[in-house]
PDB file of all heavy atoms in Angstrom:
ATOM      1  N   TRP A   1       0.834  -1.206   0.000  1.00  0.00           N
ATOM      2  CA  TRP A   1       0.000   0.000   0.000  1.00  0.00           C
ATOM      3  C   TRP A   1       0.872   1.260   0.000  1.00  0.00           C
ATOM      4  O   TRP A   1       0.580   2.228  -0.715  1.00  0.00           O
ATOM      5  CB  TRP A   1      -0.914  -0.023   1.213  1.00  0.00           C
ATOM      6  CG  TRP A   1      -1.739   1.211   1.399  1.00  0.00           C
ATOM      7  CD1 TRP A   1      -1.389   2.350   2.064  1.00  0.00           C
ATOM      8  CD2 TRP A   1      -3.069   1.445   0.906  1.00  0.00           C
ATOM      9  NE1 TRP A   1      -2.409   3.271   2.036  1.00  0.00           N
ATOM     10  CE2 TRP A   1      -3.447   2.743   1.327  1.00  0.00           C
ATOM     11  CE3 TRP A   1      -3.970   0.684   0.167  1.00  0.00           C
ATOM     12  CZ2 TRP A   1      -4.695   3.290   1.026  1.00  0.00           C
ATOM     13  CZ3 TRP A   1      -5.208   1.230  -0.131  1.00  0.00           C
ATOM     14  CH2 TRP A   1      -5.567   2.516   0.290  1.00  0.00           C
ATOM     15  N   ARG A   2       1.937   1.245   0.795  1.00  0.00           N
ATOM     16  CA  ARG A   2       2.800   2.430   0.896  1.00  0.00           C
ATOM     17  C   ARG A   2       3.434   2.755  -0.461  1.00  0.00           C
ATOM     18  O   ARG A   2       3.453   3.921  -0.882  1.00  0.00           O
ATOM     19  CB  ARG A   2       3.883   2.189   1.945  1.00  0.00           C
ATOM     20  CG  ARG A   2       4.754   3.410   2.209  1.00  0.00           C
ATOM     21  CD  ARG A   2       5.839   3.109   3.230  1.00  0.00           C
ATOM     22  NE  ARG A   2       5.262   2.779   4.534  1.00  0.00           N
ATOM     23  CZ  ARG A   2       5.379   1.589   5.118  1.00  0.00           C
ATOM     24  NH1 ARG A   2       6.040   0.615   4.512  1.00  0.00           N
ATOM     25  NH2 ARG A   2       4.848   1.369   6.298  1.00  0.00           N
ATOM     26  N   VAL A   3       3.938   1.757  -1.159  1.00  0.00           N
ATOM     27  CA  VAL A   3       4.541   1.992  -2.475  1.00  0.00           C
ATOM     28  C   VAL A   3       3.481   2.444  -3.472  1.00  0.00           C
ATOM     29  O   VAL A   3       3.673   3.384  -4.243  1.00  0.00           O
ATOM     30  CB  VAL A   3       5.253   0.723  -2.973  1.00  0.00           C
ATOM     31  CG1 VAL A   3       5.830   0.957  -4.371  1.00  0.00           C
ATOM     32  CG2 VAL A   3       6.360   0.308  -2.016  1.00  0.00           C
ATOM     33  N   SER A   4       2.327   1.767  -3.456  1.00  0.00           N
ATOM     34  CA  SER A   4       1.246   2.082  -4.391  1.00  0.00           C
ATOM     35  C   SER A   4       0.778   3.520  -4.232  1.00  0.00           C
ATOM     36  O   SER A   4       0.669   4.269  -5.218  1.00  0.00           O
ATOM     37  CB  SER A   4       0.075   1.122  -4.185  1.00  0.00           C
ATOM     38  OG  SER A   4      -1.040   1.501  -4.952  1.00  0.00           O
ATOM     39  N   MET A   5       0.514   3.926  -2.997  1.00  0.00           N
ATOM     40  CA  MET A   5       0.020   5.277  -2.772  1.00  0.00           C
ATOM     41  C   MET A   5       1.095   6.326  -3.020  1.00  0.00           C
ATOM     42  O   MET A   5       0.797   7.481  -3.350  1.00  0.00           O
ATOM     43  CB  MET A   5      -0.515   5.413  -1.335  1.00  0.00           C
ATOM     44  CG  MET A   5      -1.780   4.609  -1.084  1.00  0.00           C
ATOM     45  SD  MET A   5      -3.166   5.079  -2.159  1.00  0.00           S
ATOM     46  CE  MET A   5      -3.208   3.657  -3.279  1.00  0.00           C
ATOM     47  N   GLY A   6       2.365   5.928  -2.875  1.00  0.00           N
ATOM     48  CA  GLY A   6       3.446   6.861  -3.190  1.00  0.00           C
ATOM     49  C   GLY A   6       3.405   7.291  -4.646  1.00  0.00           C
ATOM     50  O   GLY A   6       3.665   8.455  -4.970  1.00  0.00           O
ATOM     51  N   TYR A   7       3.054   6.348  -5.528  1.00  0.00           N
ATOM     52  CA  TYR A   7       2.917   6.688  -6.947  1.00  0.00           C
ATOM     53  C   TYR A   7       1.564   7.338  -7.234  1.00  0.00           C
ATOM     54  O   TYR A   7       1.475   8.333  -7.948  1.00  0.00           O
ATOM     55  CB  TYR A   7       3.068   5.430  -7.807  1.00  0.00           C
ATOM     56  CG  TYR A   7       4.487   4.952  -7.923  1.00  0.00           C
ATOM     57  CD1 TYR A   7       4.914   3.830  -7.222  1.00  0.00           C
ATOM     58  CD2 TYR A   7       5.398   5.621  -8.731  1.00  0.00           C
ATOM     59  CE1 TYR A   7       6.227   3.387  -7.327  1.00  0.00           C
ATOM     60  CE2 TYR A   7       6.709   5.187  -8.833  1.00  0.00           C
ATOM     61  CZ  TYR A   7       7.117   4.067  -8.130  1.00  0.00           C
ATOM     62  OH  TYR A   7       8.414   3.642  -8.236  1.00  0.00           O
ATOM     63  N   HIS A   8       0.502   6.751  -6.663  1.00  0.00           N
ATOM     64  CA  HIS A   8      -0.845   7.229  -6.984  1.00  0.00           C
ATOM     65  C   HIS A   8      -1.074   8.657  -6.483  1.00  0.00           C
ATOM     66  O   HIS A   8      -1.500   9.531  -7.245  1.00  0.00           O
ATOM     67  CB  HIS A   8      -1.878   6.297  -6.361  1.00  0.00           C
ATOM     68  CG  HIS A   8      -3.286   6.743  -6.542  1.00  0.00           C
ATOM     69  ND1 HIS A   8      -3.906   6.746  -7.767  1.00  0.00           N
ATOM     70  CD2 HIS A   8      -4.206   7.223  -5.651  1.00  0.00           C
ATOM     71  CE1 HIS A   8      -5.145   7.195  -7.640  1.00  0.00           C
ATOM     72  NE2 HIS A   8      -5.344   7.503  -6.368  1.00  0.00           N
ATOM     73  N   LEU A   9      -0.790   8.895  -5.213  1.00  0.00           N
ATOM     74  CA  LEU A   9      -1.022  10.225  -4.651  1.00  0.00           C
ATOM     75  C   LEU A   9       0.048  11.226  -5.078  1.00  0.00           C
ATOM     76  O   LEU A   9      -0.109  12.424  -4.846  1.00  0.00           O
ATOM     77  CB  LEU A   9      -1.081  10.139  -3.125  1.00  0.00           C
ATOM     78  CG  LEU A   9      -2.216   9.267  -2.562  1.00  0.00           C
ATOM     79  CD1 LEU A   9      -2.155   9.223  -1.045  1.00  0.00           C
ATOM     80  CD2 LEU A   9      -3.579   9.763  -3.040  1.00  0.00           C
ATOM     81  N   GLY A  10       1.119  10.726  -5.709  1.00  0.00           N
ATOM     82  CA  GLY A  10       2.155  11.627  -6.194  1.00  0.00           C
ATOM     83  C   GLY A  10       1.766  12.360  -7.464  1.00  0.00           C
ATOM     84  O   GLY A  10       2.443  13.309  -7.861  1.00  0.00           O
ATOM     85  N   LEU A  11       0.673  11.925  -8.095  1.00  0.00           N
ATOM     86  CA  LEU A  11       0.181  12.624  -9.281  1.00  0.00           C
ATOM     87  C   LEU A  11      -0.456  13.943  -8.854  1.00  0.00           C
ATOM     88  O   LEU A  11      -1.435  13.959  -8.104  1.00  0.00           O
ATOM     89  CB  LEU A  11      -0.853  11.754 -10.014  1.00  0.00           C
ATOM     90  CG  LEU A  11      -0.338  10.467 -10.659  1.00  0.00           C
ATOM     91  CD1 LEU A  11      -1.511   9.634 -11.161  1.00  0.00           C
ATOM     92  CD2 LEU A  11       0.602  10.791 -11.813  1.00  0.00           C
ATOM     93  N   GLU A  12       0.087  15.039  -9.325  1.00  0.00           N
ATOM     94  CA  GLU A  12      -0.419  16.352  -8.930  1.00  0.00           C
ATOM     95  C   GLU A  12      -1.631  16.715  -9.782  1.00  0.00           C
ATOM     96  O   GLU A  12      -1.535  16.824 -10.993  1.00  0.00           O
ATOM     97  CB  GLU A  12       0.673  17.402  -9.084  1.00  0.00           C
ATOM     98  CG  GLU A  12       1.862  17.196  -8.141  1.00  0.00           C
ATOM     99  CD  GLU A  12       1.472  17.326  -6.682  1.00  0.00           C
ATOM    100  OE1 GLU A  12       0.498  18.062  -6.391  1.00  0.00           O
ATOM    101  OE2 GLU A  12       2.119  16.687  -5.829  1.00  0.00           O
ATOM    102  N   ARG A  13      -2.767  16.877  -9.143  1.00  0.00           N
ATOM    103  CA  ARG A  13      -3.985  17.284  -9.825  1.00  0.00           C
ATOM    104  C   ARG A  13      -4.637  18.427  -9.041  1.00  0.00           C
ATOM    105  O   ARG A  13      -4.613  18.431  -7.807  1.00  0.00           O
ATOM    106  CB  ARG A  13      -4.976  16.113  -9.916  1.00  0.00           C
ATOM    107  CG  ARG A  13      -4.444  14.927 -10.721  1.00  0.00           C
ATOM    108  CD  ARG A  13      -4.404  15.255 -12.200  1.00  0.00           C
ATOM    109  NE  ARG A  13      -3.826  14.188 -13.003  1.00  0.00           N
ATOM    110  CZ  ARG A  13      -4.514  13.213 -13.576  1.00  0.00           C
ATOM    111  NH1 ARG A  13      -5.821  13.151 -13.405  1.00  0.00           N
ATOM    112  NH2 ARG A  13      -3.918  12.312 -14.298  1.00  0.00           N
ATOM    113  N   GLY A  14      -5.222  19.386  -9.751  1.00  0.00           N
ATOM    114  CA  GLY A  14      -5.899  20.485  -9.088  1.00  0.00           C
ATOM    115  C   GLY A  14      -7.155  19.998  -8.374  1.00  0.00           C
ATOM    116  O   GLY A  14      -8.080  19.500  -9.024  1.00  0.00           O
ATOM    117  N   TYR A  15      -7.205  20.143  -7.060  1.00  0.00           N
ATOM    118  CA  TYR A  15      -8.291  19.561  -6.274  1.00  0.00           C
ATOM    119  C   TYR A  15      -9.654  20.086  -6.704  1.00  0.00           C
ATOM    120  O   TYR A  15     -10.590  19.305  -6.945  1.00  0.00           O
ATOM    121  CB  TYR A  15      -8.060  19.838  -4.791  1.00  0.00           C
ATOM    122  CG  TYR A  15      -9.194  19.360  -3.904  1.00  0.00           C
ATOM    123  CD1 TYR A  15      -9.302  18.032  -3.541  1.00  0.00           C
ATOM    124  CD2 TYR A  15     -10.160  20.261  -3.440  1.00  0.00           C
ATOM    125  CE1 TYR A  15     -10.337  17.593  -2.734  1.00  0.00           C
ATOM    126  CE2 TYR A  15     -11.198  19.842  -2.642  1.00  0.00           C
ATOM    127  CZ  TYR A  15     -11.281  18.504  -2.286  1.00  0.00           C
ATOM    128  OH  TYR A  15     -12.318  18.080  -1.488  1.00  0.00           O
ATOM    129  N   TRP A  16      -9.809  21.402  -6.815  1.00  0.00           N
ATOM    130  CA  TRP A  16     -11.132  21.976  -7.069  1.00  0.00           C
ATOM    131  C   TRP A  16     -11.627  21.666  -8.476  1.00  0.00           C
ATOM    132  O   TRP A  16     -12.822  21.451  -8.695  1.00  0.00           O
ATOM    133  CB  TRP A  16     -11.100  23.485  -6.824  1.00  0.00           C
ATOM    134  CG  TRP A  16     -10.855  23.807  -5.377  1.00  0.00           C
ATOM    135  CD1 TRP A  16      -9.704  24.304  -4.829  1.00  0.00           C
ATOM    136  CD2 TRP A  16     -11.761  23.602  -4.296  1.00  0.00           C
ATOM    137  NE1 TRP A  16      -9.842  24.423  -3.475  1.00  0.00           N
ATOM    138  CE2 TRP A  16     -11.091  24.005  -3.108  1.00  0.00           C
ATOM    139  CE3 TRP A  16     -13.066  23.126  -4.204  1.00  0.00           C
ATOM    140  CZ2 TRP A  16     -11.690  23.941  -1.867  1.00  0.00           C
ATOM    141  CZ3 TRP A  16     -13.668  23.065  -2.961  1.00  0.00           C
ATOM    142  CH2 TRP A  16     -12.991  23.471  -1.813  1.00  0.00           C
ATOM    143  N   THR A  17     -10.717  21.608  -9.428  1.00  0.00           N
ATOM    144  CA  THR A  17     -11.132  21.242 -10.787  1.00  0.00           C
ATOM    145  C   THR A  17     -11.655  19.823 -10.823  1.00  0.00           C
ATOM    146  O   THR A  17     -12.740  19.549 -11.364  1.00  0.00           O
ATOM    147  CB  THR A  17      -9.949  21.396 -11.758  1.00  0.00           C
ATOM    148  OG1 THR A  17      -9.520  22.757 -11.749  1.00  0.00           O
ATOM    149  CG2 THR A  17     -10.359  20.985 -13.172  1.00  0.00           C
ATOM    150  N   TRP A  18     -10.890  18.914 -10.233  1.00  0.00           N
ATOM    151  CA  TRP A  18     -11.270  17.509 -10.289  1.00  0.00           C
ATOM    152  C   TRP A  18     -12.422  17.179  -9.352  1.00  0.00           C
ATOM    153  O   TRP A  18     -13.118  16.176  -9.535  1.00  0.00           O
ATOM    154  CB  TRP A  18     -10.058  16.626 -10.000  1.00  0.00           C
ATOM    155  CG  TRP A  18      -9.079  16.699 -11.121  1.00  0.00           C
ATOM    156  CD1 TRP A  18      -8.019  17.559 -11.242  1.00  0.00           C
ATOM    157  CD2 TRP A  18      -9.097  15.933 -12.317  1.00  0.00           C
ATOM    158  NE1 TRP A  18      -7.375  17.369 -12.428  1.00  0.00           N
ATOM    159  CE2 TRP A  18      -8.013  16.361 -13.122  1.00  0.00           C
ATOM    160  CE3 TRP A  18      -9.916  14.909 -12.788  1.00  0.00           C
ATOM    161  CZ2 TRP A  18      -7.735  15.811 -14.357  1.00  0.00           C
ATOM    162  CZ3 TRP A  18      -9.639  14.354 -14.024  1.00  0.00           C
ATOM    163  CH2 TRP A  18      -8.561  14.805 -14.796  1.00  0.00           C
ATOM    164  N   LEU A  19     -12.639  18.003  -8.346  1.00  0.00           N
ATOM    165  CA  LEU A  19     -13.783  17.803  -7.456  1.00  0.00           C
ATOM    166  C   LEU A  19     -15.084  17.836  -8.249  1.00  0.00           C
ATOM    167  O   LEU A  19     -16.008  17.054  -7.999  1.00  0.00           O
ATOM    168  CB  LEU A  19     -13.792  18.894  -6.383  1.00  0.00           C
ATOM    169  CG  LEU A  19     -14.895  18.814  -5.333  1.00  0.00           C
ATOM    170  CD1 LEU A  19     -14.673  17.612  -4.427  1.00  0.00           C
ATOM    171  CD2 LEU A  19     -14.946  20.092  -4.511  1.00  0.00           C
ATOM    172  N   VAL A  20     -15.161  18.733  -9.208  1.00  0.00           N
ATOM    173  CA  VAL A  20     -16.340  18.838 -10.066  1.00  0.00           C
ATOM    174  C   VAL A  20     -16.265  17.840 -11.221  1.00  0.00           C
ATOM    175  O   VAL A  20     -17.234  17.150 -11.538  1.00  0.00           O
ATOM    176  CB  VAL A  20     -16.489  20.272 -10.610  1.00  0.00           C
ATOM    177  CG1 VAL A  20     -17.669  20.371 -11.561  1.00  0.00           C
ATOM    178  CG2 VAL A  20     -16.634  21.267  -9.464  1.00  0.00           C
ATOM    179  N   TYR A  21     -15.083  17.742 -11.816  1.00  0.00           N
ATOM    180  CA  TYR A  21     -14.971  16.949 -13.030  1.00  0.00           C
ATOM    181  C   TYR A  21     -15.140  15.450 -12.775  1.00  0.00           C
ATOM    182  O   TYR A  21     -15.655  14.718 -13.628  1.00  0.00           O
ATOM    183  CB  TYR A  21     -13.616  17.190 -13.706  1.00  0.00           C
ATOM    184  CG  TYR A  21     -13.546  16.557 -15.076  1.00  0.00           C
ATOM    185  CD1 TYR A  21     -14.109  17.194 -16.174  1.00  0.00           C
ATOM    186  CD2 TYR A  21     -12.946  15.311 -15.268  1.00  0.00           C
ATOM    187  CE1 TYR A  21     -14.068  16.620 -17.435  1.00  0.00           C
ATOM    188  CE2 TYR A  21     -12.905  14.726 -16.521  1.00  0.00           C
ATOM    189  CZ  TYR A  21     -13.467  15.384 -17.600  1.00  0.00           C
ATOM    190  OH  TYR A  21     -13.440  14.808 -18.840  1.00  0.00           O
ATOM    191  N   HIS A  22     -14.724  14.960 -11.616  1.00  0.00           N
ATOM    192  CA  HIS A  22     -14.866  13.530 -11.327  1.00  0.00           C
ATOM    193  C   HIS A  22     -16.335  13.098 -11.374  1.00  0.00           C
ATOM    194  O   HIS A  22     -16.673  12.076 -11.995  1.00  0.00           O
ATOM    195  CB  HIS A  22     -14.282  13.211  -9.948  1.00  0.00           C
ATOM    196  CG  HIS A  22     -12.792  13.084  -9.977  1.00  0.00           C
ATOM    197  ND1 HIS A  22     -12.015  13.300  -8.876  1.00  0.00           N
ATOM    198  CD2 HIS A  22     -11.939  12.760 -10.984  1.00  0.00           C
ATOM    199  CE1 HIS A  22     -10.738  13.114  -9.184  1.00  0.00           C
ATOM    200  NE2 HIS A  22     -10.675  12.794 -10.452  1.00  0.00           N
ATOM    201  N   LEU A  23     -17.204  13.839 -10.717  1.00  0.00           N
ATOM    202  CA  LEU A  23     -18.620  13.482 -10.733  1.00  0.00           C
ATOM    203  C   LEU A  23     -19.205  13.640 -12.130  1.00  0.00           C
ATOM    204  O   LEU A  23     -20.026  12.814 -12.563  1.00  0.00           O
ATOM    205  CB  LEU A  23     -19.388  14.350  -9.732  1.00  0.00           C
ATOM    206  CG  LEU A  23     -19.080  14.084  -8.254  1.00  0.00           C
ATOM    207  CD1 LEU A  23     -19.877  15.035  -7.373  1.00  0.00           C
ATOM    208  CD2 LEU A  23     -19.406  12.638  -7.885  1.00  0.00           C
ATOM    209  N   TYR A  24     -18.792  14.682 -12.822  1.00  0.00           N
ATOM    210  CA  TYR A  24     -19.259  14.861 -14.201  1.00  0.00           C
ATOM    211  C   TYR A  24     -18.838  13.671 -15.062  1.00  0.00           C
ATOM    212  O   TYR A  24     -19.648  13.103 -15.803  1.00  0.00           O
ATOM    213  CB  TYR A  24     -18.676  16.171 -14.759  1.00  0.00           C
ATOM    214  CG  TYR A  24     -18.743  16.279 -16.265  1.00  0.00           C
ATOM    215  CD1 TYR A  24     -19.922  16.641 -16.898  1.00  0.00           C
ATOM    216  CD2 TYR A  24     -17.622  16.008 -17.055  1.00  0.00           C
ATOM    217  CE1 TYR A  24     -19.989  16.741 -18.286  1.00  0.00           C
ATOM    218  CE2 TYR A  24     -17.677  16.107 -18.438  1.00  0.00           C
ATOM    219  CZ  TYR A  24     -18.863  16.464 -19.047  1.00  0.00           C
ATOM    220  OH  TYR A  24     -18.918  16.552 -20.402  1.00  0.00           O
ATOM    221  N   ASP A  25     -17.576  13.300 -14.977  1.00  0.00           N
ATOM    222  CA  ASP A  25     -17.040  12.195 -15.767  1.00  0.00           C
ATOM    223  C   ASP A  25     -17.776  10.893 -15.449  1.00  0.00           C
ATOM    224  O   ASP A  25     -18.189  10.151 -16.351  1.00  0.00           O
ATOM    225  CB  ASP A  25     -15.543  12.055 -15.462  1.00  0.00           C
ATOM    226  CG  ASP A  25     -14.827  11.129 -16.430  1.00  0.00           C
ATOM    227  OD1 ASP A  25     -15.289  10.996 -17.582  1.00  0.00           O
ATOM    228  OD2 ASP A  25     -13.796  10.546 -16.042  1.00  0.00           O
ATOM    229  N   PHE A  26     -17.958  10.621 -14.182  1.00  0.00           N
ATOM    230  CA  PHE A  26     -18.613   9.377 -13.769  1.00  0.00           C
ATOM    231  C   PHE A  26     -20.057   9.323 -14.251  1.00  0.00           C
ATOM    232  O   PHE A  26     -20.514   8.313 -14.794  1.00  0.00           O
ATOM    233  CB  PHE A  26     -18.558   9.260 -12.242  1.00  0.00           C
ATOM    234  CG  PHE A  26     -19.266   8.048 -11.702  1.00  0.00           C
ATOM    235  CD1 PHE A  26     -18.667   6.805 -11.735  1.00  0.00           C
ATOM    236  CD2 PHE A  26     -20.545   8.153 -11.166  1.00  0.00           C
ATOM    237  CE1 PHE A  26     -19.318   5.684 -11.241  1.00  0.00           C
ATOM    238  CE2 PHE A  26     -21.199   7.049 -10.672  1.00  0.00           C
ATOM    239  CZ  PHE A  26     -20.590   5.806 -10.710  1.00  0.00           C
ATOM    240  N   LEU A  27     -20.800  10.403 -14.055  1.00  0.00           N
ATOM    241  CA  LEU A  27     -22.225  10.392 -14.383  1.00  0.00           C
ATOM    242  C   LEU A  27     -22.468  10.410 -15.890  1.00  0.00           C
ATOM    243  O   LEU A  27     -23.424   9.787 -16.362  1.00  0.00           O
ATOM    244  CB  LEU A  27     -22.915  11.590 -13.719  1.00  0.00           C
ATOM    245  CG  LEU A  27     -22.976  11.531 -12.191  1.00  0.00           C
ATOM    246  CD1 LEU A  27     -23.613  12.798 -11.639  1.00  0.00           C
ATOM    247  CD2 LEU A  27     -23.751  10.304 -11.717  1.00  0.00           C
ATOM    248  N   VAL A  28     -21.623  11.093 -16.654  1.00  0.00           N
ATOM    249  CA  VAL A  28     -21.792  11.092 -18.108  1.00  0.00           C
ATOM    250  C   VAL A  28     -21.590   9.689 -18.661  1.00  0.00           C
ATOM    251  O   VAL A  28     -22.361   9.217 -19.500  1.00  0.00           O
ATOM    252  CB  VAL A  28     -20.822  12.089 -18.769  1.00  0.00           C
ATOM    253  CG1 VAL A  28     -20.747  11.848 -20.275  1.00  0.00           C
ATOM    254  CG2 VAL A  28     -21.283  13.517 -18.503  1.00  0.00           C
ATOM    255  N   PHE A  29     -20.573   8.981 -18.171  1.00  0.00           N
ATOM    256  CA  PHE A  29     -20.317   7.634 -18.664  1.00  0.00           C
ATOM    257  C   PHE A  29     -21.228   6.596 -18.009  1.00  0.00           C
ATOM    258  O   PHE A  29     -21.292   5.461 -18.497  1.00  0.00           O
ATOM    259  CB  PHE A  29     -18.849   7.254 -18.456  1.00  0.00           C
ATOM    260  CG  PHE A  29     -17.960   7.737 -19.560  1.00  0.00           C
ATOM    261  CD1 PHE A  29     -17.368   8.983 -19.492  1.00  0.00           C
ATOM    262  CD2 PHE A  29     -17.725   6.944 -20.671  1.00  0.00           C
ATOM    263  CE1 PHE A  29     -16.552   9.437 -20.519  1.00  0.00           C
ATOM    264  CE2 PHE A  29     -16.918   7.388 -21.700  1.00  0.00           C
ATOM    265  CZ  PHE A  29     -16.326   8.638 -21.624  1.00  0.00           C
ATOM    266  N   LEU A  30     -21.908   6.955 -16.934  1.00  0.00           N
ATOM    267  CA  LEU A  30     -22.973   6.108 -16.422  1.00  0.00           C
ATOM    268  C   LEU A  30     -24.131   6.063 -17.411  1.00  0.00           C
ATOM    269  O   LEU A  30     -24.842   5.054 -17.519  1.00  0.00           O
ATOM    270  CB  LEU A  30     -23.460   6.635 -15.066  1.00  0.00           C
ATOM    271  CG  LEU A  30     -24.666   5.932 -14.445  1.00  0.00           C
ATOM    272  CD1 LEU A  30     -24.287   4.533 -13.971  1.00  0.00           C
ATOM    273  CD2 LEU A  30     -25.238   6.744 -13.291  1.00  0.00           C
ATOM    274  N   GLY A  31     -24.297   7.149 -18.152  1.00  0.00           N
ATOM    275  CA  GLY A  31     -25.416   7.299 -19.078  1.00  0.00           C
ATOM    276  C   GLY A  31     -26.319   8.401 -18.577  1.00  0.00           C
ATOM    277  O   GLY A  31     -26.773   8.373 -17.419  1.00  0.00           O
ATOM    278  N   LEU A  32     -26.571   9.392 -19.398  1.00  0.00           N
ATOM    279  CA  LEU A  32     -27.345  10.565 -18.962  1.00  0.00           C
ATOM    280  C   LEU A  32     -28.736  10.207 -18.443  1.00  0.00           C
ATOM    281  O   LEU A  32     -29.175  10.774 -17.437  1.00  0.00           O
ATOM    282  CB  LEU A  32     -27.431  11.578 -20.104  1.00  0.00           C
ATOM    283  CG  LEU A  32     -26.090  12.186 -20.541  1.00  0.00           C
ATOM    284  CD1 LEU A  32     -26.293  13.129 -21.714  1.00  0.00           C
ATOM    285  CD2 LEU A  32     -25.432  12.921 -19.377  1.00  0.00           C
ATOM    286  N   PRO A  33     -29.482   9.277 -19.068  1.00  0.00           N
ATOM    287  CA  PRO A  33     -30.804   8.929 -18.508  1.00  0.00           C
ATOM    288  C   PRO A  33     -30.701   8.365 -17.097  1.00  0.00           C
ATOM    289  O   PRO A  33     -31.482   8.757 -16.217  1.00  0.00           O
ATOM    290  CB  PRO A  33     -31.340   7.892 -19.503  1.00  0.00           C
ATOM    291  CG  PRO A  33     -30.595   8.134 -20.766  1.00  0.00           C
ATOM    292  CD  PRO A  33     -29.243   8.588 -20.352  1.00  0.00           C
ATOM    293  N   LEU A  34     -29.745   7.470 -16.868  1.00  0.00           N
ATOM    294  CA  LEU A  34     -29.589   6.902 -15.523  1.00  0.00           C
ATOM    295  C   LEU A  34     -29.071   7.948 -14.545  1.00  0.00           C
ATOM    296  O   LEU A  34     -29.459   7.946 -13.365  1.00  0.00           O
ATOM    297  CB  LEU A  34     -28.637   5.708 -15.567  1.00  0.00           C
ATOM    298  CG  LEU A  34     -29.128   4.458 -16.294  1.00  0.00           C
ATOM    299  CD1 LEU A  34     -28.102   3.340 -16.206  1.00  0.00           C
ATOM    300  CD2 LEU A  34     -30.464   3.979 -15.710  1.00  0.00           C
ATOM    301  N   ALA A  35     -28.200   8.843 -15.020  1.00  0.00           N
ATOM    302  CA  ALA A  35     -27.673   9.883 -14.138  1.00  0.00           C
ATOM    303  C   ALA A  35     -28.787  10.797 -13.641  1.00  0.00           C
ATOM    304  O   ALA A  35     -28.852  11.142 -12.444  1.00  0.00           O
ATOM    305  CB  ALA A  35     -26.603  10.699 -14.875  1.00  0.00           C
ATOM    306  N   VAL A  36     -29.695  11.190 -14.535  1.00  0.00           N
ATOM    307  CA  VAL A  36     -30.809  12.056 -14.141  1.00  0.00           C
ATOM    308  C   VAL A  36     -31.721  11.322 -13.150  1.00  0.00           C
ATOM    309  O   VAL A  36     -32.128  11.883 -12.117  1.00  0.00           O
ATOM    310  CB  VAL A  36     -31.605  12.502 -15.382  1.00  0.00           C
ATOM    311  CG1 VAL A  36     -32.881  13.224 -14.975  1.00  0.00           C
ATOM    312  CG2 VAL A  36     -30.742  13.411 -16.255  1.00  0.00           C
ATOM    313  N   LEU A  37     -32.051  10.070 -13.459  1.00  0.00           N
ATOM    314  CA  LEU A  37     -32.904   9.291 -12.557  1.00  0.00           C
ATOM    315  C   LEU A  37     -32.249   9.134 -11.191  1.00  0.00           C
ATOM    316  O   LEU A  37     -32.921   9.235 -10.152  1.00  0.00           O
ATOM    317  CB  LEU A  37     -33.188   7.915 -13.161  1.00  0.00           C
ATOM    318  CG  LEU A  37     -34.168   7.875 -14.336  1.00  0.00           C
ATOM    319  CD1 LEU A  37     -34.113   6.514 -15.012  1.00  0.00           C
ATOM    320  CD2 LEU A  37     -35.589   8.179 -13.855  1.00  0.00           C
ATOM    321  N   TRP A  38     -30.946   8.898 -11.183  1.00  0.00           N
ATOM    322  CA  TRP A  38     -30.247   8.710  -9.914  1.00  0.00           C
ATOM    323  C   TRP A  38     -30.244  10.002  -9.093  1.00  0.00           C
ATOM    324  O   TRP A  38     -30.490   9.963  -7.881  1.00  0.00           O
ATOM    325  CB  TRP A  38     -28.817   8.253 -10.166  1.00  0.00           C
ATOM    326  CG  TRP A  38     -28.018   8.078  -8.915  1.00  0.00           C
ATOM    327  CD1 TRP A  38     -28.179   7.106  -7.966  1.00  0.00           C
ATOM    328  CD2 TRP A  38     -26.963   8.919  -8.448  1.00  0.00           C
ATOM    329  NE1 TRP A  38     -27.271   7.281  -6.952  1.00  0.00           N
ATOM    330  CE2 TRP A  38     -26.513   8.385  -7.222  1.00  0.00           C
ATOM    331  CE3 TRP A  38     -26.340  10.052  -8.966  1.00  0.00           C
ATOM    332  CZ2 TRP A  38     -25.469   8.948  -6.504  1.00  0.00           C
ATOM    333  CZ3 TRP A  38     -25.301  10.620  -8.244  1.00  0.00           C
ATOM    334  CH2 TRP A  38     -24.869  10.070  -7.029  1.00  0.00           C
ATOM    335  N   LEU A  39     -29.967  11.126  -9.726  1.00  0.00           N
ATOM    336  CA  LEU A  39     -29.943  12.386  -8.989  1.00  0.00           C
ATOM    337  C   LEU A  39     -31.311  12.711  -8.393  1.00  0.00           C
ATOM    338  O   LEU A  39     -31.412  13.167  -7.245  1.00  0.00           O
ATOM    339  CB  LEU A  39     -29.479  13.517  -9.918  1.00  0.00           C
ATOM    340  CG  LEU A  39     -28.000  13.481 -10.317  1.00  0.00           C
ATOM    341  CD1 LEU A  39     -27.714  14.517 -11.394  1.00  0.00           C
ATOM    342  CD2 LEU A  39     -27.117  13.728  -9.098  1.00  0.00           C
ATOM    343  N   VAL A  40     -32.381  12.469  -9.161  1.00  0.00           N
ATOM    344  CA  VAL A  40     -33.733  12.684  -8.633  1.00  0.00           C
ATOM    345  C   VAL A  40     -33.992  11.730  -7.470  1.00  0.00           C
ATOM    346  O   VAL A  40     -34.561  12.111  -6.435  1.00  0.00           O
ATOM    347  CB  VAL A  40     -34.783  12.494  -9.744  1.00  0.00           C
ATOM    348  CG1 VAL A  40     -36.193  12.547  -9.162  1.00  0.00           C
ATOM    349  CG2 VAL A  40     -34.612  13.554 -10.824  1.00  0.00           C
ATOM    350  N   GLY A  41     -33.564  10.478  -7.627  1.00  0.00           N
ATOM    351  CA  GLY A  41     -33.741   9.505  -6.558  1.00  0.00           C
ATOM    352  C   GLY A  41     -32.996   9.880  -5.295  1.00  0.00           C
ATOM    353  O   GLY A  41     -33.497   9.677  -4.180  1.00  0.00           O
ATOM    354  N   VAL A  42     -31.783  10.435  -5.449  1.00  0.00           N
ATOM    355  CA  VAL A  42     -31.001  10.854  -4.281  1.00  0.00           C
ATOM    356  C   VAL A  42     -31.699  11.994  -3.555  1.00  0.00           C
ATOM    357  O   VAL A  42     -31.787  12.004  -2.310  1.00  0.00           O
ATOM    358  CB  VAL A  42     -29.579  11.271  -4.714  1.00  0.00           C
ATOM    359  CG1 VAL A  42     -28.838  11.954  -3.565  1.00  0.00           C
ATOM    360  CG2 VAL A  42     -28.796  10.058  -5.197  1.00  0.00           C
TER     361      VAL A  42
END
């Protein structure tokens, strides 16, 4: 785990940009119809 996270967390990414983009990326590839239904359900 220590070696793995040393490489994984060593990737510098802008936190605030990816905070929004991660959910966008996930929900778009989930499929827009399912994403809308899920958000309403939540």
